[in-house]
C-alpha atoms as a PDB file:
ATOM      1  CA  MET A   1       0.000   0.000   0.000  1.00  0.00           C
ATOM      2  CA  LYS A   2       1.346   3.415  -0.940  1.00  0.00           C
ATOM      3  CA  PRO A   3       2.094   5.588   2.083  1.00  0.00           C
ATOM      4  CA  SER A   4       0.213   8.785   2.851  1.00  0.00           C
ATOM      5  CA  LYS A   5       3.420  10.829   2.636  1.00  0.00           C
ATOM      6  CA  LYS A   6       6.710  10.617   0.808  1.00  0.00           C
ATOM      7  CA  ALA A   7       9.374   8.413   2.343  1.00  0.00           C
ATOM      8  CA  ALA A   8      11.833  11.317   2.340  1.00  0.00           C
ATOM      9  CA  GLU A   9       9.505  13.155   4.735  1.00  0.00           C
ATOM     10  CA  MET A  10       9.265  10.272   7.205  1.00  0.00           C
ATOM     11  CA  SER A  11      11.002  10.190  10.564  1.00  0.00           C
ATOM     12  CA  VAL A  12      13.670   7.599  11.328  1.00  0.00           C
ATOM     13  CA  ARG A  13      11.130   5.746  13.463  1.00  0.00           C
ATOM     14  CA  GLU A  14       8.588   5.677  10.652  1.00  0.00           C
ATOM     15  CA  LEU A  15      11.184   4.401   8.201  1.00  0.00           C
ATOM     16  CA  ALA A  16      12.413   1.771  10.641  1.00  0.00           C
ATOM     17  CA  SER A  17       8.897   0.343  10.848  1.00  0.00           C
ATOM     18  CA  TYR A  18       9.402  -0.940   7.296  1.00  0.00           C
ATOM     19  CA  ILE A  19      12.494  -2.931   8.258  1.00  0.00           C
ATOM     20  CA  ASP A  20      12.942  -6.562   9.141  1.00  0.00           C
ATOM     21  CA  TYR A  21      16.421  -6.328  10.680  1.00  0.00           C
ATOM     22  CA  SER A  22      18.366  -9.324   9.389  1.00  0.00           C
ATOM     23  CA  VAL A  23      20.420 -11.191  12.011  1.00  0.00           C
ATOM     24  CA  LEU A  24      20.812 -14.454  10.123  1.00  0.00           C
ATOM     25  CA  LYS A  25      24.493 -15.058   9.452  1.00  0.00           C
ATOM     26  CA  PRO A  26      25.391 -18.488  10.830  1.00  0.00           C
ATOM     27  CA  GLU A  27      28.783 -17.293  12.084  1.00  0.00           C
ATOM     28  CA  PHE A  28      27.311 -14.718  14.466  1.00  0.00           C
ATOM     29  CA  THR A  29      28.181 -15.303  18.107  1.00  0.00           C
ATOM     30  CA  GLU A  30      25.441 -15.164  20.713  1.00  0.00           C
ATOM     31  CA  GLN A  31      26.713 -11.785  21.885  1.00  0.00           C
ATOM     32  CA  GLU A  32      26.633 -10.408  18.347  1.00  0.00           C
ATOM     33  CA  ILE A  33      23.047 -11.626  17.970  1.00  0.00           C
ATOM     34  CA  ILE A  34      22.070  -9.967  21.256  1.00  0.00           C
ATOM     35  CA  ASP A  35      23.765  -6.690  20.313  1.00  0.00           C
ATOM     36  CA  LEU A  36      22.113  -6.561  16.886  1.00  0.00           C
ATOM     37  CA  THR A  37      18.714  -7.450  18.322  1.00  0.00           C
ATOM     38  CA  LYS A  38      19.014  -4.627  20.844  1.00  0.00           C
ATOM     39  CA  ASP A  39      20.011  -2.242  18.039  1.00  0.00           C
ATOM     40  CA  GLY A  40      16.944  -3.163  15.976  1.00  0.00           C
ATOM     41  CA  VAL A  41      14.693  -2.668  18.993  1.00  0.00           C
ATOM     42  CA  GLN A  42      16.221   0.725  19.771  1.00  0.00           C
ATOM     43  CA  LEU A  43      15.634   1.878  16.193  1.00  0.00           C
ATOM     44  CA  GLY A  44      12.026   0.651  16.210  1.00  0.00           C
ATOM     45  CA  CYS A  45      12.329  -1.924  13.424  1.00  0.00           C
ATOM     46  CA  ALA A  46       9.227  -4.009  12.700  1.00  0.00           C
ATOM     47  CA  THR A  47      10.949  -7.294  13.457  1.00  0.00           C
ATOM     48  CA  ILE A  48      14.300  -8.943  14.015  1.00  0.00           C
ATOM     49  CA  CYS A  49      14.792 -11.836  11.589  1.00  0.00           C
ATOM     50  CA  ILE A  50      16.600 -14.641  13.394  1.00  0.00           C
ATOM     51  CA  ASN A  51      17.326 -18.321  12.965  1.00  0.00           C
ATOM     52  CA  PRO A  52      14.871 -20.467  14.974  1.00  0.00           C
ATOM     53  CA  GLY A  53      17.520 -21.767  17.355  1.00  0.00           C
ATOM     54  CA  TYR A  54      17.923 -18.304  18.898  1.00  0.00           C
ATOM     55  CA  MET A  55      14.331 -17.692  19.999  1.00  0.00           C
ATOM     56  CA  ASP A  56      15.060 -18.049  23.710  1.00  0.00           C
ATOM     57  CA  LEU A  57      18.197 -15.945  23.382  1.00  0.00           C
ATOM     58  CA  CYS A  58      16.475 -13.018  21.651  1.00  0.00           C
ATOM     59  CA  GLU A  59      13.002 -12.951  23.167  1.00  0.00           C
ATOM     60  CA  PRO A  60      13.943 -11.074  26.372  1.00  0.00           C
ATOM     61  CA  TYR A  61      15.342  -8.171  24.330  1.00  0.00           C
ATOM     62  CA  VAL A  62      12.147  -7.487  22.355  1.00  0.00           C
ATOM     63  CA  LYS A  63       9.648  -7.825  25.194  1.00  0.00           C
ATOM     64  CA  GLY A  64       7.866  -4.573  25.978  1.00  0.00           C
ATOM     65  CA  SER A  65       8.959  -2.963  22.701  1.00  0.00           C
ATOM     66  CA  ASP A  66       7.283  -2.291  19.354  1.00  0.00           C
ATOM     67  CA  THR A  67       9.723  -4.706  17.719  1.00  0.00           C
ATOM     68  CA  MET A  68       8.939  -8.408  17.475  1.00  0.00           C
ATOM     69  CA  LEU A  69      10.766 -11.515  16.312  1.00  0.00           C
ATOM     70  CA  CYS A  70      10.497 -13.040  12.853  1.00  0.00           C
ATOM     71  CA  PRO A  71      12.078 -16.501  12.847  1.00  0.00           C
ATOM     72  CA  VAL A  72      13.051 -17.742   9.392  1.00  0.00           C
ATOM     73  CA  CYS A  73      12.305 -21.433   8.905  1.00  0.00           C
ATOM     74  CA  ASP A  74      14.009 -23.890   6.555  1.00  0.00           C
ATOM     75  CA  PHE A  75      16.534 -21.200   5.710  1.00  0.00           C
ATOM     76  CA  PRO A  76      18.141 -20.594   3.255  1.00  0.00           C
ATOM     77  CA  PHE A  77      17.314 -23.488   0.898  1.00  0.00           C
ATOM     78  CA  GLY A  78      13.658 -24.387   1.445  1.00  0.00           C
ATOM     79  CA  THR A  79      14.344 -28.029   0.650  1.00  0.00           C
ATOM     80  CA  SER A  80      13.267 -29.747   3.866  1.00  0.00           C
ATOM     81  CA  SER A  81      10.167 -31.917   3.821  1.00  0.00           C
ATOM     82  CA  THR A  82       6.839 -30.220   4.336  1.00  0.00           C
ATOM     83  CA  GLU A  83       6.495 -32.044   7.664  1.00  0.00           C
ATOM     84  CA  SER A  84       9.819 -30.650   8.824  1.00  0.00           C
ATOM     85  CA  LYS A  85       8.875 -27.107   7.812  1.00  0.00           C
ATOM     86  CA  VAL A  86       5.544 -27.344   9.599  1.00  0.00           C
ATOM     87  CA  LYS A  87       7.208 -28.593  12.773  1.00  0.00           C
ATOM     88  CA  GLN A  88       9.700 -25.707  12.716  1.00  0.00           C
ATOM     89  CA  ILE A  89       6.860 -23.225  12.312  1.00  0.00           C
ATOM     90  CA  GLU A  90       4.833 -24.766  15.121  1.00  0.00           C
ATOM     91  CA  ILE A  91       7.803 -24.562  17.486  1.00  0.00           C
ATOM     92  CA  VAL A  92       8.537 -20.875  16.875  1.00  0.00           C
ATOM     93  CA  ALA A  93       4.947 -19.671  16.416  1.00  0.00           C
ATOM     94  CA  LYS A  94       4.138 -20.518  20.035  1.00  0.00           C
ATOM     95  CA  TYR A  95       6.340 -17.680  21.293  1.00  0.00           C
ATOM     96  CA  ASP A  96       4.474 -14.529  22.288  1.00  0.00           C
ATOM     97  CA  SER A  97       7.221 -12.391  20.751  1.00  0.00           C
ATOM     98  CA  VAL A  98       6.628 -13.714  17.224  1.00  0.00           C
ATOM     99  CA  LYS A  99       4.767 -11.450  14.823  1.00  0.00           C
ATOM    100  CA  GLU A 100       5.482 -13.272  11.582  1.00  0.00           C
ATOM    101  CA  VAL A 101       7.338 -16.303  10.285  1.00  0.00           C
ATOM    102  CA  ASP A 102       9.381 -16.342   7.084  1.00  0.00           C
ATOM    103  CA  ILE A 103       9.841 -19.526   5.078  1.00  0.00           C
ATOM    104  CA  VAL A 104      11.717 -20.366   1.891  1.00  0.00           C
ATOM    105  CA  ALA A 105       9.725 -21.835  -0.975  1.00  0.00           C
ATOM    106  CA  ASN A 106      11.303 -24.890  -2.578  1.00  0.00           C
ATOM    107  CA  PHE A 107      12.675 -23.025  -5.559  1.00  0.00           C
ATOM    108  CA  GLY A 108      14.027 -26.232  -7.088  1.00  0.00           C
ATOM    109  CA  LEU A 109      10.422 -27.389  -7.392  1.00  0.00           C
ATOM    110  CA  ILE A 110       9.475 -24.007  -8.817  1.00  0.00           C
ATOM    111  CA  ARG A 111      12.211 -24.336 -11.448  1.00  0.00           C
ATOM    112  CA  SER A 112      10.912 -27.849 -12.170  1.00  0.00           C
ATOM    113  CA  GLY A 113       7.461 -26.438 -12.907  1.00  0.00           C
ATOM    114  CA  LYS A 114       5.793 -28.452 -10.127  1.00  0.00           C
ATOM    115  CA  TYR A 115       3.505 -25.644  -9.035  1.00  0.00           C
ATOM    116  CA  GLU A 116       0.841 -27.874  -7.483  1.00  0.00           C
ATOM    117  CA  GLU A 117       3.479 -29.325  -5.158  1.00  0.00           C
ATOM    118  CA  VAL A 118       4.785 -25.835  -4.409  1.00  0.00           C
ATOM    119  CA  THR A 119       1.288 -24.632  -3.501  1.00  0.00           C
ATOM    120  CA  LYS A 120       0.638 -27.675  -1.312  1.00  0.00           C
ATOM    121  CA  ASP A 121       3.920 -27.164   0.556  1.00  0.00           C
ATOM    122  CA  ILE A 122       3.276 -23.454   1.114  1.00  0.00           C
ATOM    123  CA  LYS A 123      -0.325 -24.043   2.222  1.00  0.00           C
ATOM    124  CA  ALA A 124       0.762 -26.481   4.919  1.00  0.00           C
ATOM    125  CA  CYS A 125       3.171 -23.842   6.223  1.00  0.00           C
ATOM    126  CA  VAL A 126       0.523 -21.125   6.035  1.00  0.00           C
ATOM    127  CA  ASP A 127      -1.963 -23.251   7.951  1.00  0.00           C
ATOM    128  CA  ALA A 128       0.615 -23.950  10.673  1.00  0.00           C
ATOM    129  CA  ALA A 129       1.398 -20.254  11.128  1.00  0.00           C
ATOM    130  CA  HIS A 130      -2.227 -19.129  10.994  1.00  0.00           C
ATOM    131  CA  LYS A 131      -3.172 -21.698  13.633  1.00  0.00           C
ATOM    132  CA  TYR A 132      -1.162 -19.583  16.071  1.00  0.00           C
ATOM    133  CA  GLY A 133      -2.297 -16.244  14.663  1.00  0.00           C
ATOM    134  CA  ARG A 134       1.027 -15.517  12.940  1.00  0.00           C
ATOM    135  CA  GLU A 135       1.426 -14.135   9.442  1.00  0.00           C
ATOM    136  CA  ILE A 136       3.749 -15.865   7.018  1.00  0.00           C
ATOM    137  CA  LYS A 137       6.107 -14.541   4.369  1.00  0.00           C
ATOM    138  CA  VAL A 138       7.202 -16.768   1.498  1.00  0.00           C
ATOM    139  CA  ILE A 139      10.703 -16.226   0.086  1.00  0.00           C
ATOM    140  CA  PHE A 140      10.900 -17.046  -3.621  1.00  0.00           C
ATOM    141  CA  GLU A 141      14.686 -16.674  -4.167  1.00  0.00           C
ATOM    142  CA  THR A 142      13.893 -14.637  -7.245  1.00  0.00           C
ATOM    143  CA  ASP A 143      17.466 -14.426  -8.579  1.00  0.00           C
ATOM    144  CA  ALA A 144      17.263 -18.177  -9.241  1.00  0.00           C
ATOM    145  CA  LEU A 145      13.974 -17.791 -11.163  1.00  0.00           C
ATOM    146  CA  ASN A 146      12.802 -16.314 -14.448  1.00  0.00           C
ATOM    147  CA  GLU A 147       9.874 -13.933 -14.822  1.00  0.00           C
ATOM    148  CA  GLU A 148       7.291 -16.628 -15.553  1.00  0.00           C
ATOM    149  CA  GLN A 149       8.396 -18.613 -12.508  1.00  0.00           C
ATOM    150  CA  VAL A 150       8.113 -15.543 -10.272  1.00  0.00           C
ATOM    151  CA  ARG A 151       4.636 -14.754 -11.567  1.00  0.00           C
ATOM    152  CA  ARG A 152       3.452 -18.359 -11.200  1.00  0.00           C
ATOM    153  CA  THR A 153       4.813 -18.544  -7.650  1.00  0.00           C
ATOM    154  CA  CYS A 154       2.894 -15.384  -6.750  1.00  0.00           C
ATOM    155  CA  HIS A 155      -0.277 -17.263  -7.651  1.00  0.00           C
ATOM    156  CA  CYS A 156       0.824 -20.311  -5.662  1.00  0.00           C
ATOM    157  CA  CYS A 157       1.085 -18.014  -2.639  1.00  0.00           C
ATOM    158  CA  ILE A 158      -2.300 -16.434  -3.268  1.00  0.00           C
ATOM    159  CA  GLU A 159      -3.920 -19.862  -3.575  1.00  0.00           C
ATOM    160  CA  ALA A 160      -2.160 -21.067  -0.424  1.00  0.00           C
ATOM    161  CA  GLY A 161      -3.304 -18.025   1.566  1.00  0.00           C
ATOM    162  CA  ALA A 162       0.155 -16.605   2.273  1.00  0.00           C
ATOM    163  CA  ASP A 163       0.302 -13.132   3.804  1.00  0.00           C
ATOM    164  CA  PHE A 164       3.463 -11.873   2.070  1.00  0.00           C
ATOM    165  CA  VAL A 165       5.450 -12.684  -1.042  1.00  0.00           C
ATOM    166  CA  LYS A 166       9.151 -12.001  -0.686  1.00  0.00           C
ATOM    167  CA  THR A 167      12.088 -11.811  -3.070  1.00  0.00           C
ATOM    168  CA  SER A 168      15.339 -13.230  -1.726  1.00  0.00           C
ATOM    169  CA  THR A 169      17.238 -14.899   1.087  1.00  0.00           C
ATOM    170  CA  GLY A 170      20.420 -12.905   0.575  1.00  0.00           C
ATOM    171  CA  PHE A 171      22.360 -16.169   0.720  1.00  0.00           C
ATOM    172  CA  LEU A 172      22.120 -17.381  -2.896  1.00  0.00           C
ATOM    173  CA  THR A 173      25.436 -18.283  -4.534  1.00  0.00           C
ATOM    174  CA  GLY A 174      26.316 -19.111  -8.127  1.00  0.00           C
ATOM    175  CA  HIS A 175      23.875 -16.587  -9.619  1.00  0.00           C
ATOM    176  CA  ASP A 176      23.900 -12.881 -10.414  1.00  0.00           C
ATOM    177  CA  ASN A 177      22.288 -11.337  -7.363  1.00  0.00           C
ATOM    178  CA  HIS A 178      20.044  -8.343  -7.968  1.00  0.00           C
ATOM    179  CA  GLY A 179      17.648  -8.751  -5.061  1.00  0.00           C
ATOM    180  CA  ALA A 180      14.703  -6.412  -4.651  1.00  0.00           C
ATOM    181  CA  THR A 181      14.981  -4.276  -7.758  1.00  0.00           C
ATOM    182  CA  PRO A 182      12.165  -1.756  -8.323  1.00  0.00           C
ATOM    183  CA  GLU A 183      11.251  -3.588 -11.526  1.00  0.00           C
ATOM    184  CA  LEU A 184      10.885  -6.920  -9.745  1.00  0.00           C
ATOM    185  CA  ILE A 185       8.900  -5.414  -6.880  1.00  0.00           C
ATOM    186  CA  GLN A 186       6.535  -3.751  -9.349  1.00  0.00           C
ATOM    187  CA  MET A 187       6.055  -7.032 -11.192  1.00  0.00           C
ATOM    188  CA  MET A 188       5.164  -8.824  -7.966  1.00  0.00           C
ATOM    189  CA  MET A 189       2.803  -6.023  -6.971  1.00  0.00           C
ATOM    190  CA  ASP A 190       1.080  -6.209 -10.343  1.00  0.00           C
ATOM    191  CA  GLU A 191       0.754  -9.975 -10.085  1.00  0.00           C
ATOM    192  CA  VAL A 192      -0.684 -10.237  -6.569  1.00  0.00           C
ATOM    193  CA  GLN A 193      -3.027  -7.254  -6.969  1.00  0.00           C
ATOM    194  CA  GLY A 194      -3.186  -6.620  -3.231  1.00  0.00           C
ATOM    195  CA  LYS A 195      -3.997 -10.246  -2.354  1.00  0.00           C
ATOM    196  CA  CYS A 196      -0.608 -10.577  -0.610  1.00  0.00           C
ATOM    197  CA  LYS A 197       1.664  -7.995   0.935  1.00  0.00           C
ATOM    198  CA  ILE A 198       5.120  -7.457  -0.549  1.00  0.00           C
ATOM    199  CA  LYS A 199       8.479  -7.829   1.153  1.00  0.00           C
ATOM    200  CA  GLY A 200      11.661  -6.928  -0.678  1.00  0.00           C
ATOM    201  CA  SER A 201      14.977  -8.343   0.427  1.00  0.00           C
ATOM    202  CA  GLY A 202      18.432  -8.655  -1.045  1.00  0.00           C
ATOM    203  CA  CYS A 203      20.703  -5.834  -2.223  1.00  0.00           C
ATOM    204  CA  ILE A 204      18.816  -3.044  -0.425  1.00  0.00           C
ATOM    205  CA  ARG A 205      21.912  -1.103   0.528  1.00  0.00           C
ATOM    206  CA  THR A 206      21.318   2.534  -0.391  1.00  0.00           C
ATOM    207  CA  ARG A 207      18.943   5.106   1.050  1.00  0.00           C
ATOM    208  CA  GLU A 208      17.722   6.031  -2.439  1.00  0.00           C
ATOM    209  CA  HIS A 209      16.694   2.432  -3.183  1.00  0.00           C
ATOM    210  CA  PHE A 210      15.028   2.059   0.224  1.00  0.00           C
ATOM    211  CA  LEU A 211      12.996   5.252  -0.109  1.00  0.00           C
ATOM    212  CA  GLN A 212      12.005   4.434  -3.682  1.00  0.00           C
ATOM    213  CA  LEU A 213      10.521   1.088  -2.668  1.00  0.00           C
ATOM    214  CA  ILE A 214       8.529   2.707   0.141  1.00  0.00           C
ATOM    215  CA  ASP A 215       7.114   5.285  -2.270  1.00  0.00           C
ATOM    216  CA  MET A 216       6.156   2.436  -4.626  1.00  0.00           C
ATOM    217  CA  GLY A 217       4.038   0.933  -1.862  1.00  0.00           C
ATOM    218  CA  ILE A 218       6.180  -1.911  -0.540  1.00  0.00           C
ATOM    219  CA  ASP A 219       5.051  -3.291   2.820  1.00  0.00           C
ATOM    220  CA  ARG A 220       8.333  -4.473   4.324  1.00  0.00           C
ATOM    221  CA  MET A 221      12.040  -4.793   3.561  1.00  0.00           C
ATOM    222  CA  GLY A 222      14.720  -7.114   4.833  1.00  0.00           C
ATOM    223  CA  VAL A 223      17.863  -5.107   5.462  1.00  0.00           C
ATOM    224  CA  GLY A 224      21.221  -6.332   6.717  1.00  0.00           C
ATOM    225  CA  TYR A 225      22.764  -4.869   9.847  1.00  0.00           C
ATOM    226  CA  LYS A 226      25.481  -2.996   7.941  1.00  0.00           C
ATOM    227  CA  SER A 227      22.945  -1.327   5.653  1.00  0.00           C
ATOM    228  CA  VAL A 228      20.343  -0.376   8.273  1.00  0.00           C
ATOM    229  CA  PRO A 229      22.074   2.874   9.334  1.00  0.00           C
ATOM    230  CA  VAL A 230      22.679   3.741   5.670  1.00  0.00           C
ATOM    231  CA  VAL A 231      19.061   3.384   4.562  1.00  0.00           C
ATOM    232  CA  LEU A 232      17.830   5.231   7.656  1.00  0.00           C
ATOM    233  CA  GLY A 233      20.166   8.125   6.989  1.00  0.00           C
ATOM    234  CA  LEU A 234      22.139   7.580  10.199  1.00  0.00           C
ATOM    235  CA  ASP A 235      25.445   6.893   8.482  1.00  0.00           C
ATOM    236  CA  LYS A 236      26.837  10.363   7.791  1.00  0.00           C
ATOM    237  CA  LYS A 237      30.176   9.223   6.373  1.00  0.00           C
END
């Protein structure tokens, strides 16, 4: 949904509300995860995206704030069994601090053209999240897909009842990574026609790009910890 005012006129707090603060690198120490979680809370980010194993570690630092946790299940490949994905979701969705859950669509199945299987897999995940009142975002890994595959997967998500469609994990290797380009975001917006919200992630590293996507009507963006101060205009270097 397009905002009521231009992104350039928004306060830091308003801009931060568009951000899912990414704390997903597997090499992070527990102290680094705590420090980054506290930073996202202080800024007023919508959520902190974490790996499911760190729920107990991070939950105390978001309690009482406007920021919540967004565990990312079956990350970054999306190739676990449906049963495994559902179990992961059920474990994390029970936490009071969880606002949303992100999952990765099986983009190998998407590339294989098995859209009925893709829809079935996503729907099981959606049902698990909705059972606990949590919204779910579905990561496509768009840099591994062509335009037709992206459009078809949007419709898989609509049919499955997903709340958000999302571009990238930020962890894809062996491909040219473009992430959440304005052109891709517009295509996804055109395809879902308001039936799902839109999250852009991957390669959102400049303030200009960040503000442009907000003005286009994006609902959320995944931003890495190094880029958060840049897109919020806090890095004055």
